[in-house]
Amino acid sequence: MISSAGIEIGDIGGSLSWGAFGSFIKHSSTDSALFRELHPEVEDWGTRLRSNIILADIFDVLAQINSNLIAGFSQKKSKKPEKYTRPWAKKKLKKIGTAVKRNELHEWMEMKRREAHIKHGK
């Protein structure tokens, strides 16, 4: 945190005022060791790695939804989407999920449409 700004701990009270040092502490990044030490209950959630893992999981779910929608609205057989590649994965990851059959998707969508009409009095 301080070293990334080109300041050393010995500068506190000298070229770096105590107020400025306090500001560094108060506004420490959630990726900083200081933040993780002060907030151990959220340590795992305050890292970019954790956020990237969550984003990759969201990508995988959206790819599966997209595959199901393509299968439901076209005559094409949908391809099983591949997982977003994680940097620590040494081998090709397995494909996720299975596509929903077109008629099952149409039935589900029709049911949801009817529920929405009933709910809104149409």
N, C-alpha and C. Protein backbone atom coordinates (compact mmCIF):
# COMPACT_ATOMS: atom_id res chain seq x y z
N MET A 1 0.84 -1.17 0.00
CA MET A 1 0.00 0.00 0.00
C MET A 1 0.89 1.24 0.00
N ILE A 2 1.64 1.45 1.06
CA ILE A 2 2.49 2.63 1.13
C ILE A 2 3.66 2.48 0.16
N SER A 3 4.26 1.28 0.11
CA SER A 3 5.40 1.08 -0.78
C SER A 3 5.00 1.25 -2.24
N SER A 4 3.75 0.94 -2.59
CA SER A 4 3.30 1.13 -3.98
C SER A 4 3.20 2.60 -4.33
N ALA A 5 3.13 3.45 -3.31
CA ALA A 5 3.10 4.90 -3.55
C ALA A 5 4.50 5.50 -3.48
N GLY A 6 5.53 4.66 -3.27
CA GLY A 6 6.91 5.13 -3.22
C GLY A 6 7.28 5.70 -1.86
N ILE A 7 6.58 5.31 -0.84
CA ILE A 7 6.82 5.82 0.51
C ILE A 7 7.21 4.64 1.39
N GLU A 8 8.15 4.88 2.29
CA GLU A 8 8.58 3.83 3.21
C GLU A 8 8.08 4.13 4.61
N ILE A 9 8.05 3.11 5.44
CA ILE A 9 7.53 3.25 6.80
C ILE A 9 8.30 4.31 7.59
N GLY A 10 9.58 4.48 7.29
CA GLY A 10 10.40 5.48 7.97
C GLY A 10 10.00 6.91 7.65
N ASP A 11 9.21 7.09 6.58
CA ASP A 11 8.76 8.43 6.18
C ASP A 11 7.60 8.94 7.04
N ILE A 12 6.97 8.03 7.81
CA ILE A 12 5.82 8.44 8.64
C ILE A 12 6.30 9.38 9.73
N GLY A 13 5.63 10.51 9.83
CA GLY A 13 6.01 11.53 10.79
C GLY A 13 7.03 12.51 10.25
N GLY A 14 7.61 12.19 9.09
CA GLY A 14 8.58 13.07 8.45
C GLY A 14 7.97 13.61 7.17
N SER A 15 8.44 13.08 6.02
CA SER A 15 7.92 13.55 4.74
C SER A 15 6.47 13.09 4.53
N LEU A 16 6.05 12.08 5.27
CA LEU A 16 4.65 11.64 5.24
C LEU A 16 4.03 11.97 6.59
N SER A 17 3.12 12.91 6.59
CA SER A 17 2.51 13.32 7.86
C SER A 17 1.66 12.20 8.44
N TRP A 18 1.41 12.28 9.74
CA TRP A 18 0.56 11.28 10.39
C TRP A 18 -0.85 11.31 9.81
N GLY A 19 -1.32 12.48 9.43
CA GLY A 19 -2.65 12.60 8.81
C GLY A 19 -2.71 11.89 7.47
N ALA A 20 -1.65 12.06 6.67
CA ALA A 20 -1.59 11.39 5.37
C ALA A 20 -1.49 9.88 5.57
N PHE A 21 -0.72 9.45 6.58
CA PHE A 21 -0.61 8.02 6.88
C PHE A 21 -1.97 7.47 7.29
N GLY A 22 -2.69 8.22 8.11
CA GLY A 22 -4.04 7.82 8.51
C GLY A 22 -4.96 7.68 7.32
N SER A 23 -4.80 8.57 6.36
CA SER A 23 -5.61 8.51 5.14
C SER A 23 -5.30 7.24 4.35
N PHE A 24 -4.02 6.87 4.27
CA PHE A 24 -3.65 5.61 3.62
C PHE A 24 -4.35 4.44 4.29
N ILE A 25 -4.33 4.44 5.62
CA ILE A 25 -4.95 3.34 6.38
C ILE A 25 -6.46 3.32 6.15
N LYS A 26 -7.08 4.48 6.25
CA LYS A 26 -8.54 4.58 6.13
C LYS A 26 -9.03 4.12 4.76
N HIS A 27 -8.27 4.40 3.74
CA HIS A 27 -8.70 4.10 2.37
C HIS A 27 -7.95 2.92 1.77
N SER A 28 -7.51 2.01 2.62
CA SER A 28 -6.77 0.85 2.09
C SER A 28 -7.69 0.00 1.22
N SER A 29 -7.12 -0.52 0.17
CA SER A 29 -7.85 -1.36 -0.78
C SER A 29 -8.26 -2.67 -0.15
N THR A 30 -9.35 -3.25 -0.62
CA THR A 30 -9.78 -4.55 -0.11
C THR A 30 -8.79 -5.64 -0.50
N ASP A 31 -7.89 -5.36 -1.44
CA ASP A 31 -6.84 -6.32 -1.80
C ASP A 31 -5.62 -6.21 -0.90
N SER A 32 -5.59 -5.19 -0.05
CA SER A 32 -4.39 -4.98 0.77
C SER A 32 -4.33 -5.94 1.94
N ALA A 33 -3.11 -6.24 2.35
CA ALA A 33 -2.89 -7.10 3.52
C ALA A 33 -3.47 -6.46 4.77
N LEU A 34 -3.38 -5.12 4.86
CA LEU A 34 -3.92 -4.42 6.02
C LEU A 34 -5.43 -4.63 6.13
N PHE A 35 -6.15 -4.47 5.03
CA PHE A 35 -7.60 -4.65 5.06
C PHE A 35 -7.95 -6.07 5.47
N ARG A 36 -7.24 -7.05 4.90
CA ARG A 36 -7.51 -8.45 5.24
C ARG A 36 -7.22 -8.74 6.71
N GLU A 37 -6.20 -8.08 7.26
CA GLU A 37 -5.88 -8.26 8.67
C GLU A 37 -6.94 -7.63 9.57
N LEU A 38 -7.43 -6.46 9.18
CA LEU A 38 -8.43 -5.75 9.99
C LEU A 38 -9.83 -6.35 9.85
N HIS A 39 -10.08 -7.02 8.74
CA HIS A 39 -11.41 -7.58 8.47
C HIS A 39 -11.30 -9.06 8.08
N PRO A 40 -10.89 -9.92 9.01
CA PRO A 40 -10.70 -11.33 8.66
C PRO A 40 -11.99 -12.03 8.23
N GLU A 41 -13.14 -11.51 8.66
CA GLU A 41 -14.41 -12.14 8.29
C GLU A 41 -14.73 -12.02 6.80
N VAL A 42 -14.13 -11.06 6.13
CA VAL A 42 -14.37 -10.89 4.69
C VAL A 42 -13.10 -11.08 3.88
N GLU A 43 -12.10 -11.68 4.49
CA GLU A 43 -10.80 -11.83 3.83
C GLU A 43 -10.91 -12.46 2.45
N ASP A 44 -11.63 -13.58 2.35
CA ASP A 44 -11.73 -14.26 1.06
C ASP A 44 -12.56 -13.50 0.04
N TRP A 45 -13.45 -12.65 0.49
CA TRP A 45 -14.34 -11.93 -0.42
C TRP A 45 -13.73 -10.64 -0.92
N GLY A 46 -12.65 -10.20 -0.33
CA GLY A 46 -12.08 -8.92 -0.70
C GLY A 46 -10.96 -9.00 -1.71
N THR A 47 -10.83 -10.10 -2.40
CA THR A 47 -9.73 -10.24 -3.34
C THR A 47 -10.23 -10.23 -4.78
N ARG A 48 -9.36 -9.78 -5.65
CA ARG A 48 -9.70 -9.80 -7.08
C ARG A 48 -9.86 -11.23 -7.57
N LEU A 49 -9.06 -12.13 -7.02
CA LEU A 49 -9.17 -13.53 -7.44
C LEU A 49 -10.57 -14.05 -7.16
N ARG A 50 -11.09 -13.78 -5.98
CA ARG A 50 -12.43 -14.24 -5.62
C ARG A 50 -13.46 -13.65 -6.59
N SER A 51 -13.33 -12.36 -6.88
CA SER A 51 -14.26 -11.71 -7.83
C SER A 51 -14.15 -12.34 -9.21
N ASN A 52 -12.94 -12.65 -9.64
CA ASN A 52 -12.76 -13.26 -10.95
C ASN A 52 -13.34 -14.66 -11.01
N ILE A 53 -13.25 -15.40 -9.91
CA ILE A 53 -13.85 -16.73 -9.86
C ILE A 53 -15.36 -16.62 -10.00
N ILE A 54 -15.95 -15.67 -9.28
CA ILE A 54 -17.40 -15.47 -9.35
C ILE A 54 -17.81 -15.06 -10.76
N LEU A 55 -17.05 -14.16 -11.39
CA LEU A 55 -17.37 -13.74 -12.75
C LEU A 55 -17.27 -14.91 -13.74
N ALA A 56 -16.27 -15.76 -13.57
CA ALA A 56 -16.15 -16.94 -14.45
C ALA A 56 -17.34 -17.87 -14.25
N ASP A 57 -17.79 -18.04 -13.00
CA ASP A 57 -18.97 -18.88 -12.75
C ASP A 57 -20.22 -18.28 -13.40
N ILE A 58 -20.36 -16.97 -13.32
CA ILE A 58 -21.51 -16.30 -13.97
C ILE A 58 -21.43 -16.49 -15.48
N PHE A 59 -20.24 -16.36 -16.05
CA PHE A 59 -20.06 -16.58 -17.49
C PHE A 59 -20.53 -17.97 -17.87
N ASP A 60 -20.15 -18.98 -17.07
CA ASP A 60 -20.54 -20.37 -17.36
C ASP A 60 -22.06 -20.53 -17.33
N VAL A 61 -22.71 -19.93 -16.35
CA VAL A 61 -24.17 -20.05 -16.24
C VAL A 61 -24.85 -19.36 -17.43
N LEU A 62 -24.37 -18.17 -17.79
CA LEU A 62 -24.95 -17.46 -18.93
C LEU A 62 -24.74 -18.22 -20.24
N ALA A 63 -23.58 -18.85 -20.39
CA ALA A 63 -23.33 -19.66 -21.59
C ALA A 63 -24.33 -20.81 -21.66
N GLN A 64 -24.63 -21.43 -20.53
CA GLN A 64 -25.59 -22.53 -20.50
C GLN A 64 -26.99 -22.02 -20.84
N ILE A 65 -27.37 -20.89 -20.28
CA ILE A 65 -28.69 -20.31 -20.57
C ILE A 65 -28.79 -19.98 -22.05
N ASN A 66 -27.74 -19.38 -22.61
CA ASN A 66 -27.73 -19.03 -24.02
C ASN A 66 -27.87 -20.28 -24.88
N SER A 67 -27.18 -21.34 -24.51
CA SER A 67 -27.29 -22.60 -25.25
C SER A 67 -28.71 -23.14 -25.21
N ASN A 68 -29.34 -23.06 -24.04
CA ASN A 68 -30.72 -23.54 -23.90
C ASN A 68 -31.68 -22.69 -24.74
N LEU A 69 -31.48 -21.40 -24.77
CA LEU A 69 -32.35 -20.53 -25.56
C LEU A 69 -32.20 -20.80 -27.06
N ILE A 70 -30.96 -21.01 -27.50
CA ILE A 70 -30.74 -21.32 -28.91
C ILE A 70 -31.46 -22.62 -29.27
N ALA A 71 -31.36 -23.60 -28.39
CA ALA A 71 -32.02 -24.88 -28.64
C ALA A 71 -33.53 -24.71 -28.66
N GLY A 72 -34.05 -23.82 -27.82
CA GLY A 72 -35.49 -23.65 -27.72
C GLY A 72 -36.10 -22.89 -28.88
N PHE A 73 -35.35 -22.01 -29.50
CA PHE A 73 -35.91 -21.16 -30.54
C PHE A 73 -35.42 -21.47 -31.94
N SER A 74 -34.62 -22.50 -32.09
CA SER A 74 -34.14 -22.81 -33.44
C SER A 74 -34.27 -24.32 -33.69
N GLN A 75 -34.04 -24.67 -34.90
CA GLN A 75 -34.09 -26.08 -35.26
C GLN A 75 -32.72 -26.73 -35.07
N LYS A 76 -31.74 -25.92 -34.68
CA LYS A 76 -30.39 -26.43 -34.52
C LYS A 76 -30.24 -27.12 -33.16
N LYS A 77 -29.43 -28.14 -33.16
CA LYS A 77 -29.10 -28.79 -31.90
C LYS A 77 -28.05 -27.92 -31.21
N SER A 78 -28.28 -27.60 -29.96
CA SER A 78 -27.34 -26.73 -29.27
C SER A 78 -26.09 -27.49 -28.86
N LYS A 79 -24.99 -26.77 -28.82
CA LYS A 79 -23.73 -27.33 -28.37
C LYS A 79 -23.63 -27.11 -26.86
N LYS A 80 -23.04 -28.05 -26.19
CA LYS A 80 -22.79 -27.86 -24.77
C LYS A 80 -21.68 -26.82 -24.62
N PRO A 81 -21.92 -25.78 -23.84
CA PRO A 81 -20.88 -24.76 -23.69
C PRO A 81 -19.72 -25.28 -22.85
N GLU A 82 -18.55 -24.75 -23.14
CA GLU A 82 -17.38 -25.11 -22.35
C GLU A 82 -17.21 -24.09 -21.23
N LYS A 83 -16.67 -24.54 -20.11
CA LYS A 83 -16.43 -23.64 -18.99
C LYS A 83 -15.40 -22.59 -19.37
N TYR A 84 -15.54 -21.42 -18.78
CA TYR A 84 -14.54 -20.37 -18.95
C TYR A 84 -13.23 -20.90 -18.38
N THR A 85 -12.15 -20.80 -19.13
CA THR A 85 -10.89 -21.37 -18.70
C THR A 85 -10.33 -20.62 -17.49
N ARG A 86 -10.08 -21.38 -16.45
CA ARG A 86 -9.46 -20.82 -15.25
C ARG A 86 -7.95 -20.98 -15.39
N PRO A 87 -7.15 -20.00 -14.98
CA PRO A 87 -5.70 -20.08 -15.20
C PRO A 87 -5.04 -21.25 -14.49
N TRP A 88 -5.62 -21.75 -13.43
CA TRP A 88 -5.02 -22.85 -12.70
C TRP A 88 -5.41 -24.22 -13.25
N ALA A 89 -6.31 -24.22 -14.22
CA ALA A 89 -6.75 -25.49 -14.81
C ALA A 89 -5.67 -25.99 -15.76
N LYS A 90 -5.14 -27.17 -15.48
CA LYS A 90 -4.06 -27.71 -16.31
C LYS A 90 -4.59 -28.50 -17.49
N LYS A 91 -5.78 -29.02 -17.35
CA LYS A 91 -6.35 -29.79 -18.45
C LYS A 91 -7.64 -29.13 -18.90
N LYS A 92 -8.08 -29.51 -20.05
CA LYS A 92 -9.33 -28.97 -20.58
C LYS A 92 -10.47 -29.38 -19.65
N LEU A 93 -11.26 -28.40 -19.26
CA LEU A 93 -12.35 -28.67 -18.32
C LEU A 93 -13.53 -29.33 -19.03
N LYS A 94 -14.27 -30.09 -18.27
CA LYS A 94 -15.44 -30.75 -18.83
C LYS A 94 -16.50 -29.72 -19.19
N LYS A 95 -17.32 -30.08 -20.14
CA LYS A 95 -18.44 -29.22 -20.51
C LYS A 95 -19.44 -29.24 -19.37
N ILE A 96 -20.16 -28.15 -19.24
CA ILE A 96 -21.10 -28.03 -18.13
C ILE A 96 -22.53 -28.27 -18.58
N GLY A 97 -23.29 -28.88 -17.72
CA GLY A 97 -24.72 -29.02 -17.94
C GLY A 97 -25.09 -29.73 -19.22
N THR A 98 -26.37 -29.80 -19.43
CA THR A 98 -26.90 -30.35 -20.67
C THR A 98 -27.98 -29.39 -21.16
N ALA A 99 -28.13 -29.35 -22.44
CA ALA A 99 -29.14 -28.47 -23.00
C ALA A 99 -30.53 -29.02 -22.71
N VAL A 100 -31.46 -28.13 -22.47
CA VAL A 100 -32.85 -28.52 -22.24
C VAL A 100 -33.47 -28.86 -23.60
N LYS A 101 -34.30 -29.87 -23.63
CA LYS A 101 -34.96 -30.23 -24.88
C LYS A 101 -35.88 -29.08 -25.29
N ARG A 102 -35.96 -28.88 -26.60
CA ARG A 102 -36.70 -27.75 -27.15
C ARG A 102 -38.16 -27.73 -26.66
N ASN A 103 -38.83 -28.86 -26.70
CA ASN A 103 -40.24 -28.88 -26.30
C ASN A 103 -40.40 -28.58 -24.80
N GLU A 104 -39.44 -29.04 -23.97
CA GLU A 104 -39.51 -28.73 -22.55
C GLU A 104 -39.32 -27.23 -22.31
N LEU A 105 -38.42 -26.61 -23.05
CA LEU A 105 -38.19 -25.17 -22.92
C LEU A 105 -39.43 -24.39 -23.36
N HIS A 106 -40.04 -24.79 -24.48
CA HIS A 106 -41.25 -24.11 -24.95
C HIS A 106 -42.38 -24.25 -23.93
N GLU A 107 -42.54 -25.43 -23.36
CA GLU A 107 -43.58 -25.64 -22.34
C GLU A 107 -43.34 -24.75 -21.12
N TRP A 108 -42.09 -24.69 -20.69
CA TRP A 108 -41.75 -23.87 -19.52
C TRP A 108 -42.01 -22.39 -19.82
N MET A 109 -41.59 -21.94 -21.02
CA MET A 109 -41.79 -20.53 -21.38
C MET A 109 -43.29 -20.20 -21.49
N GLU A 110 -44.08 -21.09 -22.04
CA GLU A 110 -45.52 -20.88 -22.14
C GLU A 110 -46.16 -20.81 -20.75
N MET A 111 -45.72 -21.69 -19.86
CA MET A 111 -46.23 -21.68 -18.49
C MET A 111 -45.91 -20.34 -17.80
N LYS A 112 -44.68 -19.85 -17.97
CA LYS A 112 -44.28 -18.58 -17.37
C LYS A 112 -45.07 -17.42 -17.98
N ARG A 113 -45.32 -17.49 -19.29
CA ARG A 113 -46.11 -16.44 -19.95
C ARG A 113 -47.51 -16.41 -19.38
N ARG A 114 -48.14 -17.57 -19.22
CA ARG A 114 -49.49 -17.65 -18.65
C ARG A 114 -49.50 -17.14 -17.21
N GLU A 115 -48.52 -17.51 -16.43
CA GLU A 115 -48.43 -17.04 -15.04
C GLU A 115 -48.35 -15.52 -14.99
N ALA A 116 -47.58 -14.94 -15.89
CA ALA A 116 -47.43 -13.49 -15.94
C ALA A 116 -48.75 -12.82 -16.32
N HIS A 117 -49.48 -13.40 -17.27
CA HIS A 117 -50.77 -12.84 -17.67
C HIS A 117 -51.78 -12.90 -16.53
N ILE A 118 -51.78 -14.02 -15.83
CA ILE A 118 -52.71 -14.17 -14.69
C ILE A 118 -52.34 -13.17 -13.60
N LYS A 119 -51.06 -13.05 -13.33
CA LYS A 119 -50.59 -12.14 -12.26
C LYS A 119 -50.96 -10.70 -12.57
N HIS A 120 -50.88 -10.32 -13.82
CA HIS A 120 -51.15 -8.94 -14.22
C HIS A 120 -52.57 -8.72 -14.71
N GLY A 121 -53.40 -9.73 -14.59
CA GLY A 121 -54.82 -9.61 -14.93
C GLY A 121 -55.09 -9.44 -16.40
N LYS A 122 -54.32 -10.03 -17.24
CA LYS A 122 -54.53 -9.89 -18.71
C LYS A 122 -55.20 -11.12 -19.25
